PDB file of N, CA and C in Angstrom:
ATOM      1  N   UNK A   1     -54.813 -59.012 -28.969  1.00  0.00           N
ATOM      2  CA  UNK A   1     -55.951 -58.717 -29.817  1.00  0.00           C
ATOM      3  C   UNK A   1     -57.045 -58.063 -28.962  1.00  0.00           C
ATOM      4  N   UNK A   2     -57.566 -56.984 -29.421  1.00  0.00           N
ATOM      5  CA  UNK A   2     -58.568 -56.276 -28.618  1.00  0.00           C
ATOM      6  C   UNK A   2     -59.958 -56.839 -28.866  1.00  0.00           C
ATOM      7  N   UNK A   3     -60.746 -56.770 -27.823  1.00  0.00           N
ATOM      8  CA  UNK A   3     -62.129 -57.209 -27.876  1.00  0.00           C
ATOM      9  C   UNK A   3     -62.977 -56.017 -28.323  1.00  0.00           C
ATOM     10  N   UNK A   4     -63.708 -56.160 -29.411  1.00  0.00           N
ATOM     11  CA  UNK A   4     -64.473 -55.039 -29.974  1.00  0.00           C
ATOM     12  C   UNK A   4     -65.563 -54.536 -29.030  1.00  0.00           C
ATOM     13  N   UNK A   5     -66.212 -55.444 -28.301  1.00  0.00           N
ATOM     14  CA  UNK A   5     -67.252 -55.027 -27.362  1.00  0.00           C
ATOM     15  C   UNK A   5     -66.653 -54.151 -26.268  1.00  0.00           C
ATOM     16  N   UNK A   6     -65.556 -54.614 -25.665  1.00  0.00           N
ATOM     17  CA  UNK A   6     -64.907 -53.834 -24.605  1.00  0.00           C
ATOM     18  C   UNK A   6     -64.395 -52.503 -25.150  1.00  0.00           C
ATOM     19  N   UNK A   7     -63.885 -52.509 -26.371  1.00  0.00           N
ATOM     20  CA  UNK A   7     -63.397 -51.277 -26.978  1.00  0.00           C
ATOM     21  C   UNK A   7     -64.538 -50.275 -27.155  1.00  0.00           C
ATOM     22  N   UNK A   8     -65.703 -50.741 -27.608  1.00  0.00           N
ATOM     23  CA  UNK A   8     -66.848 -49.850 -27.795  1.00  0.00           C
ATOM     24  C   UNK A   8     -67.344 -49.287 -26.465  1.00  0.00           C
ATOM     25  N   UNK A   9     -67.352 -50.110 -25.420  1.00  0.00           N
ATOM     26  CA  UNK A   9     -67.735 -49.628 -24.087  1.00  0.00           C
ATOM     27  C   UNK A   9     -66.749 -48.549 -23.635  1.00  0.00           C
ATOM     28  N   UNK A  10     -65.478 -48.824 -23.820  1.00  0.00           N
ATOM     29  CA  UNK A  10     -64.443 -47.862 -23.438  1.00  0.00           C
ATOM     30  C   UNK A  10     -64.552 -46.559 -24.204  1.00  0.00           C
ATOM     31  N   UNK A  11     -64.812 -46.646 -25.486  1.00  0.00           N
ATOM     32  CA  UNK A  11     -64.953 -45.436 -26.296  1.00  0.00           C
ATOM     33  C   UNK A  11     -66.201 -44.654 -25.903  1.00  0.00           C
ATOM     34  N   UNK A  12     -67.229 -45.364 -25.505  1.00  0.00           N
ATOM     35  CA  UNK A  12     -68.445 -44.716 -25.035  1.00  0.00           C
ATOM     36  C   UNK A  12     -68.167 -43.940 -23.753  1.00  0.00           C
ATOM     37  N   UNK A  13     -67.455 -44.561 -22.812  1.00  0.00           N
ATOM     38  CA  UNK A  13     -67.086 -43.878 -21.569  1.00  0.00           C
ATOM     39  C   UNK A  13     -66.234 -42.660 -21.891  1.00  0.00           C
ATOM     40  N   UNK A  14     -65.279 -42.821 -22.793  1.00  0.00           N
ATOM     41  CA  UNK A  14     -64.412 -41.702 -23.173  1.00  0.00           C
ATOM     42  C   UNK A  14     -65.226 -40.557 -23.774  1.00  0.00           C
ATOM     43  N   UNK A  15     -66.138 -40.880 -24.678  1.00  0.00           N
ATOM     44  CA  UNK A  15     -66.973 -39.871 -25.309  1.00  0.00           C
ATOM     45  C   UNK A  15     -67.798 -39.109 -24.271  1.00  0.00           C
ATOM     46  N   UNK A  16     -68.444 -39.858 -23.375  1.00  0.00           N
ATOM     47  CA  UNK A  16     -69.275 -39.223 -22.349  1.00  0.00           C
ATOM     48  C   UNK A  16     -68.425 -38.393 -21.381  1.00  0.00           C
ATOM     49  N   UNK A  17     -67.228 -38.879 -21.068  1.00  0.00           N
ATOM     50  CA  UNK A  17     -66.321 -38.144 -20.182  1.00  0.00           C
ATOM     51  C   UNK A  17     -65.891 -36.825 -20.818  1.00  0.00           C
ATOM     52  N   UNK A  18     -65.505 -36.873 -22.078  1.00  0.00           N
ATOM     53  CA  UNK A  18     -65.066 -35.658 -22.763  1.00  0.00           C
ATOM     54  C   UNK A  18     -66.226 -34.688 -22.956  1.00  0.00           C
ATOM     55  N   UNK A  19     -67.410 -35.222 -23.183  1.00  0.00           N
ATOM     56  CA  UNK A  19     -68.604 -34.380 -23.326  1.00  0.00           C
ATOM     57  C   UNK A  19     -68.862 -33.596 -22.040  1.00  0.00           C
ATOM     58  N   UNK A  20     -68.523 -34.192 -20.903  1.00  0.00           N
ATOM     59  CA  UNK A  20     -68.685 -33.528 -19.601  1.00  0.00           C
ATOM     60  C   UNK A  20     -67.453 -32.695 -19.236  1.00  0.00           C
ATOM     61  N   UNK A  21     -66.490 -32.637 -20.161  1.00  0.00           N
ATOM     62  CA  UNK A  21     -65.236 -31.900 -19.953  1.00  0.00           C
ATOM     63  C   UNK A  21     -64.535 -32.353 -18.673  1.00  0.00           C
ATOM     64  N   UNK A  22     -64.450 -33.672 -18.519  1.00  0.00           N
ATOM     65  CA  UNK A  22     -63.856 -34.274 -17.334  1.00  0.00           C
ATOM     66  C   UNK A  22     -62.580 -35.014 -17.750  1.00  0.00           C
ATOM     67  N   UNK A  23     -61.545 -34.890 -16.939  1.00  0.00           N
ATOM     68  CA  UNK A  23     -60.304 -35.614 -17.212  1.00  0.00           C
ATOM     69  C   UNK A  23     -60.429 -37.051 -16.713  1.00  0.00           C
ATOM     70  N   UNK A  24     -59.521 -37.896 -17.152  1.00  0.00           N
ATOM     71  CA  UNK A  24     -59.503 -39.264 -16.653  1.00  0.00           C
ATOM     72  C   UNK A  24     -59.263 -39.265 -15.141  1.00  0.00           C
ATOM     73  N   UNK A  25     -58.424 -38.357 -14.678  1.00  0.00           N
ATOM     74  CA  UNK A  25     -58.137 -38.270 -13.246  1.00  0.00           C
ATOM     75  C   UNK A  25     -59.399 -37.930 -12.448  1.00  0.00           C
ATOM     76  N   UNK A  26     -60.175 -36.976 -12.949  1.00  0.00           N
ATOM     77  CA  UNK A  26     -61.421 -36.595 -12.276  1.00  0.00           C
ATOM     78  C   UNK A  26     -62.409 -37.761 -12.245  1.00  0.00           C
ATOM     79  N   UNK A  27     -62.526 -38.445 -13.376  1.00  0.00           N
ATOM     80  CA  UNK A  27     -63.442 -39.579 -13.440  1.00  0.00           C
ATOM     81  C   UNK A  27     -62.998 -40.679 -12.489  1.00  0.00           C
ATOM     82  N   UNK A  28     -61.714 -40.933 -12.452  1.00  0.00           N
ATOM     83  CA  UNK A  28     -61.191 -41.952 -11.540  1.00  0.00           C
ATOM     84  C   UNK A  28     -61.522 -41.587 -10.096  1.00  0.00           C
ATOM     85  N   UNK A  29     -61.254 -40.356  -9.711  1.00  0.00           N
ATOM     86  CA  UNK A  29     -61.520 -39.915  -8.345  1.00  0.00           C
ATOM     87  C   UNK A  29     -63.006 -39.990  -8.022  1.00  0.00           C
ATOM     88  N   UNK A  30     -63.841 -39.469  -8.912  1.00  0.00           N
ATOM     89  CA  UNK A  30     -65.286 -39.418  -8.672  1.00  0.00           C
ATOM     90  C   UNK A  30     -65.946 -40.799  -8.666  1.00  0.00           C
ATOM     91  N   UNK A  31     -65.343 -41.753  -9.346  1.00  0.00           N
ATOM     92  CA  UNK A  31     -65.918 -43.097  -9.406  1.00  0.00           C
ATOM     93  C   UNK A  31     -65.276 -44.051  -8.395  1.00  0.00           C
ATOM     94  N   UNK A  32     -64.211 -43.605  -7.729  1.00  0.00           N
ATOM     95  CA  UNK A  32     -63.531 -44.457  -6.756  1.00  0.00           C
ATOM     96  C   UNK A  32     -62.640 -45.505  -7.385  1.00  0.00           C
ATOM     97  N   UNK A  33     -62.271 -45.294  -8.641  1.00  0.00           N
ATOM     98  CA  UNK A  33     -61.398 -46.229  -9.344  1.00  0.00           C
ATOM     99  C   UNK A  33     -60.026 -45.605  -9.540  1.00  0.00           C
ATOM    100  N   UNK A  34     -59.081 -46.403  -9.955  1.00  0.00           N
ATOM    101  CA  UNK A  34     -57.744 -45.888 -10.222  1.00  0.00           C
ATOM    102  C   UNK A  34     -57.689 -45.266 -11.623  1.00  0.00           C
ATOM    103  N   UNK A  35     -56.735 -44.398 -11.807  1.00  0.00           N
ATOM    104  CA  UNK A  35     -56.512 -43.805 -13.127  1.00  0.00           C
ATOM    105  C   UNK A  35     -56.202 -44.901 -14.139  1.00  0.00           C
ATOM    106  N   UNK A  36     -55.425 -45.890 -13.722  1.00  0.00           N
ATOM    107  CA  UNK A  36     -55.086 -46.996 -14.616  1.00  0.00           C
ATOM    108  C   UNK A  36     -56.340 -47.749 -15.053  1.00  0.00           C
ATOM    109  N   UNK A  37     -57.302 -47.931 -14.142  1.00  0.00           N
ATOM    110  CA  UNK A  37     -58.550 -48.625 -14.489  1.00  0.00           C
ATOM    111  C   UNK A  37     -59.326 -47.871 -15.561  1.00  0.00           C
ATOM    112  N   UNK A  38     -59.397 -46.548 -15.417  1.00  0.00           N
ATOM    113  CA  UNK A  38     -60.107 -45.728 -16.408  1.00  0.00           C
ATOM    114  C   UNK A  38     -59.383 -45.783 -17.745  1.00  0.00           C
ATOM    115  N   UNK A  39     -58.065 -45.654 -17.708  1.00  0.00           N
ATOM    116  CA  UNK A  39     -57.269 -45.667 -18.934  1.00  0.00           C
ATOM    117  C   UNK A  39     -57.410 -46.984 -19.690  1.00  0.00           C
ATOM    118  N   UNK A  40     -57.284 -48.103 -18.974  1.00  0.00           N
ATOM    119  CA  UNK A  40     -57.386 -49.403 -19.660  1.00  0.00           C
ATOM    120  C   UNK A  40     -58.808 -49.667 -20.134  1.00  0.00           C
ATOM    121  N   UNK A  41     -59.798 -49.185 -19.400  1.00  0.00           N
ATOM    122  CA  UNK A  41     -61.188 -49.323 -19.854  1.00  0.00           C
ATOM    123  C   UNK A  41     -61.393 -48.577 -21.162  1.00  0.00           C
ATOM    124  N   UNK A  42     -60.959 -47.330 -21.209  1.00  0.00           N
ATOM    125  CA  UNK A  42     -61.173 -46.514 -22.413  1.00  0.00           C
ATOM    126  C   UNK A  42     -60.452 -47.084 -23.628  1.00  0.00           C
ATOM    127  N   UNK A  43     -59.372 -47.805 -23.410  1.00  0.00           N
ATOM    128  CA  UNK A  43     -58.641 -48.417 -24.522  1.00  0.00           C
ATOM    129  C   UNK A  43     -59.145 -49.818 -24.847  1.00  0.00           C
ATOM    130  N   UNK A  44     -60.102 -50.312 -24.066  1.00  0.00           N
ATOM    131  CA  UNK A  44     -60.677 -51.628 -24.327  1.00  0.00           C
ATOM    132  C   UNK A  44     -59.742 -52.765 -24.008  1.00  0.00           C
ATOM    133  N   UNK A  45     -58.806 -52.531 -23.094  1.00  0.00           N
ATOM    134  CA  UNK A  45     -57.799 -53.542 -22.786  1.00  0.00           C
ATOM    135  C   UNK A  45     -58.287 -54.543 -21.747  1.00  0.00           C
ATOM    136  N   UNK A  46     -58.913 -54.048 -20.702  1.00  0.00           N
ATOM    137  CA  UNK A  46     -59.356 -54.920 -19.616  1.00  0.00           C
ATOM    138  C   UNK A  46     -60.864 -54.928 -19.485  1.00  0.00           C
ATOM    139  N   UNK A  47     -61.369 -56.059 -19.011  1.00  0.00           N
ATOM    140  CA  UNK A  47     -62.782 -56.177 -18.708  1.00  0.00           C
ATOM    141  C   UNK A  47     -63.077 -55.346 -17.458  1.00  0.00           C
ATOM    142  N   UNK A  48     -64.319 -54.993 -17.234  1.00  0.00           N
ATOM    143  CA  UNK A  48     -64.685 -54.182 -16.080  1.00  0.00           C
ATOM    144  C   UNK A  48     -65.861 -54.820 -15.369  1.00  0.00           C
ATOM    145  N   UNK A  49     -65.866 -54.724 -14.063  1.00  0.00           N
ATOM    146  CA  UNK A  49     -66.982 -55.232 -13.277  1.00  0.00           C
ATOM    147  C   UNK A  49     -68.181 -54.320 -13.474  1.00  0.00           C
ATOM    148  N   UNK A  50     -69.357 -54.906 -13.452  1.00  0.00           N
ATOM    149  CA  UNK A  50     -70.591 -54.134 -13.613  1.00  0.00           C
ATOM    150  C   UNK A  50     -70.700 -53.065 -12.533  1.00  0.00           C
ATOM    151  N   UNK A  51     -70.331 -53.395 -11.307  1.00  0.00           N
ATOM    152  CA  UNK A  51     -70.397 -52.424 -10.209  1.00  0.00           C
ATOM    153  C   UNK A  51     -69.497 -51.217 -10.499  1.00  0.00           C
ATOM    154  N   UNK A  52     -68.331 -51.457 -11.055  1.00  0.00           N
ATOM    155  CA  UNK A  52     -67.437 -50.347 -11.393  1.00  0.00           C
ATOM    156  C   UNK A  52     -68.007 -49.507 -12.539  1.00  0.00           C
ATOM    157  N   UNK A  53     -68.650 -50.168 -13.495  1.00  0.00           N
ATOM    158  CA  UNK A  53     -69.287 -49.434 -14.582  1.00  0.00           C
ATOM    159  C   UNK A  53     -70.437 -48.583 -14.053  1.00  0.00           C
ATOM    160  N   UNK A  54     -71.158 -49.098 -13.063  1.00  0.00           N
ATOM    161  CA  UNK A  54     -72.220 -48.334 -12.403  1.00  0.00           C
ATOM    162  C   UNK A  54     -71.631 -47.107 -11.717  1.00  0.00           C
ATOM    163  N   UNK A  55     -70.500 -47.272 -11.042  1.00  0.00           N
ATOM    164  CA  UNK A  55     -69.835 -46.134 -10.387  1.00  0.00           C
ATOM    165  C   UNK A  55     -69.391 -45.089 -11.406  1.00  0.00           C
ATOM    166  N   UNK A  56     -68.925 -45.526 -12.557  1.00  0.00           N
ATOM    167  CA  UNK A  56     -68.525 -44.604 -13.623  1.00  0.00           C
ATOM    168  C   UNK A  56     -69.739 -43.844 -14.135  1.00  0.00           C
ATOM    169  N   UNK A  57     -70.833 -44.561 -14.364  1.00  0.00           N
ATOM    170  CA  UNK A  57     -72.061 -43.914 -14.840  1.00  0.00           C
ATOM    171  C   UNK A  57     -72.522 -42.859 -13.843  1.00  0.00           C
ATOM    172  N   UNK A  58     -72.493 -43.181 -12.559  1.00  0.00           N
ATOM    173  CA  UNK A  58     -72.887 -42.214 -11.531  1.00  0.00           C
ATOM    174  C   UNK A  58     -71.953 -41.003 -11.524  1.00  0.00           C
ATOM    175  N   UNK A  59     -70.661 -41.234 -11.682  1.00  0.00           N
ATOM    176  CA  UNK A  59     -69.701 -40.131 -11.712  1.00  0.00           C
ATOM    177  C   UNK A  59     -69.926 -39.231 -12.920  1.00  0.00           C
ATOM    178  N   UNK A  60     -70.363 -39.837 -14.023  1.00  0.00           N
ATOM    179  CA  UNK A  60     -70.645 -39.065 -15.247  1.00  0.00           C
ATOM    180  C   UNK A  60     -72.058 -38.482 -15.243  1.00  0.00           C
ATOM    181  N   UNK A  61     -72.853 -38.863 -14.233  1.00  0.00           N
ATOM    182  CA  UNK A  61     -74.248 -38.419 -14.124  1.00  0.00           C
ATOM    183  C   UNK A  61     -75.072 -38.837 -15.350  1.00  0.00           C
ATOM    184  N   UNK A  62     -74.890 -40.114 -15.719  1.00  0.00           N
ATOM    185  CA  UNK A  62     -75.667 -40.722 -16.795  1.00  0.00           C
ATOM    186  C   UNK A  62     -76.196 -42.058 -16.298  1.00  0.00           C
ATOM    187  N   UNK A  63     -77.166 -42.591 -16.991  1.00  0.00           N
ATOM    188  CA  UNK A  63     -77.635 -43.940 -16.707  1.00  0.00           C
ATOM    189  C   UNK A  63     -76.638 -44.928 -17.295  1.00  0.00           C
ATOM    190  N   UNK A  64     -76.509 -46.079 -16.661  1.00  0.00           N
ATOM    191  CA  UNK A  64     -75.585 -47.083 -17.181  1.00  0.00           C
ATOM    192  C   UNK A  64     -75.980 -47.486 -18.607  1.00  0.00           C
ATOM    193  N   UNK A  65     -77.277 -47.412 -18.899  1.00  0.00           N
ATOM    194  CA  UNK A  65     -77.741 -47.742 -20.252  1.00  0.00           C
ATOM    195  C   UNK A  65     -77.174 -46.776 -21.291  1.00  0.00           C
ATOM    196  N   UNK A  66     -76.907 -45.546 -20.878  1.00  0.00           N
ATOM    197  CA  UNK A  66     -76.340 -44.556 -21.794  1.00  0.00           C
ATOM    198  C   UNK A  66     -74.960 -44.977 -22.257  1.00  0.00           C
ATOM    199  N   UNK A  67     -74.226 -45.676 -21.410  1.00  0.00           N
ATOM    200  CA  UNK A  67     -72.894 -46.159 -21.790  1.00  0.00           C
ATOM    201  C   UNK A  67     -73.026 -47.239 -22.862  1.00  0.00           C
ATOM    202  N   UNK A  68     -73.997 -48.143 -22.679  1.00  0.00           N
ATOM    203  CA  UNK A  68     -74.183 -49.217 -23.651  1.00  0.00           C
ATOM    204  C   UNK A  68     -74.803 -48.735 -24.958  1.00  0.00           C
ATOM    205  N   UNK A  69     -75.617 -47.672 -24.886  1.00  0.00           N
ATOM    206  CA  UNK A  69     -76.348 -47.186 -26.067  1.00  0.00           C
ATOM    207  C   UNK A  69     -75.741 -45.955 -26.703  1.00  0.00           C
ATOM    208  N   UNK A  70     -74.549 -45.593 -26.300  1.00  0.00           N
ATOM    209  CA  UNK A  70     -73.929 -44.363 -26.787  1.00  0.00           C
ATOM    210  C   UNK A  70     -73.691 -44.416 -28.301  1.00  0.00           C
ATOM    211  N   UNK A  71     -74.114 -43.378 -28.953  1.00  0.00           N
ATOM    212  CA  UNK A  71     -73.888 -43.230 -30.393  1.00  0.00           C
ATOM    213  C   UNK A  71     -72.925 -42.058 -30.590  1.00  0.00           C
ATOM    214  N   UNK A  72     -71.692 -42.384 -30.935  1.00  0.00           N
ATOM    215  CA  UNK A  72     -70.681 -41.339 -31.102  1.00  0.00           C
ATOM    216  C   UNK A  72     -70.126 -41.342 -32.500  1.00  0.00           C
TER     217      UNK A  72
END
């Protein structure tokens, strides 16, 4: 069963990533995470550490608050 909060965070990351025309591979490399971590995050499967979410926000050149407040 998927967690709706994690799914929304993942969809927000996906939306912001696609808006920047960035692949999952690019985001993984730029954030220092694995491709699997990005993939499972975007699908809302696994929880993510705040530090890793901060690294993703920096790689996307957005504030971490933008991930939580994303309206897509």
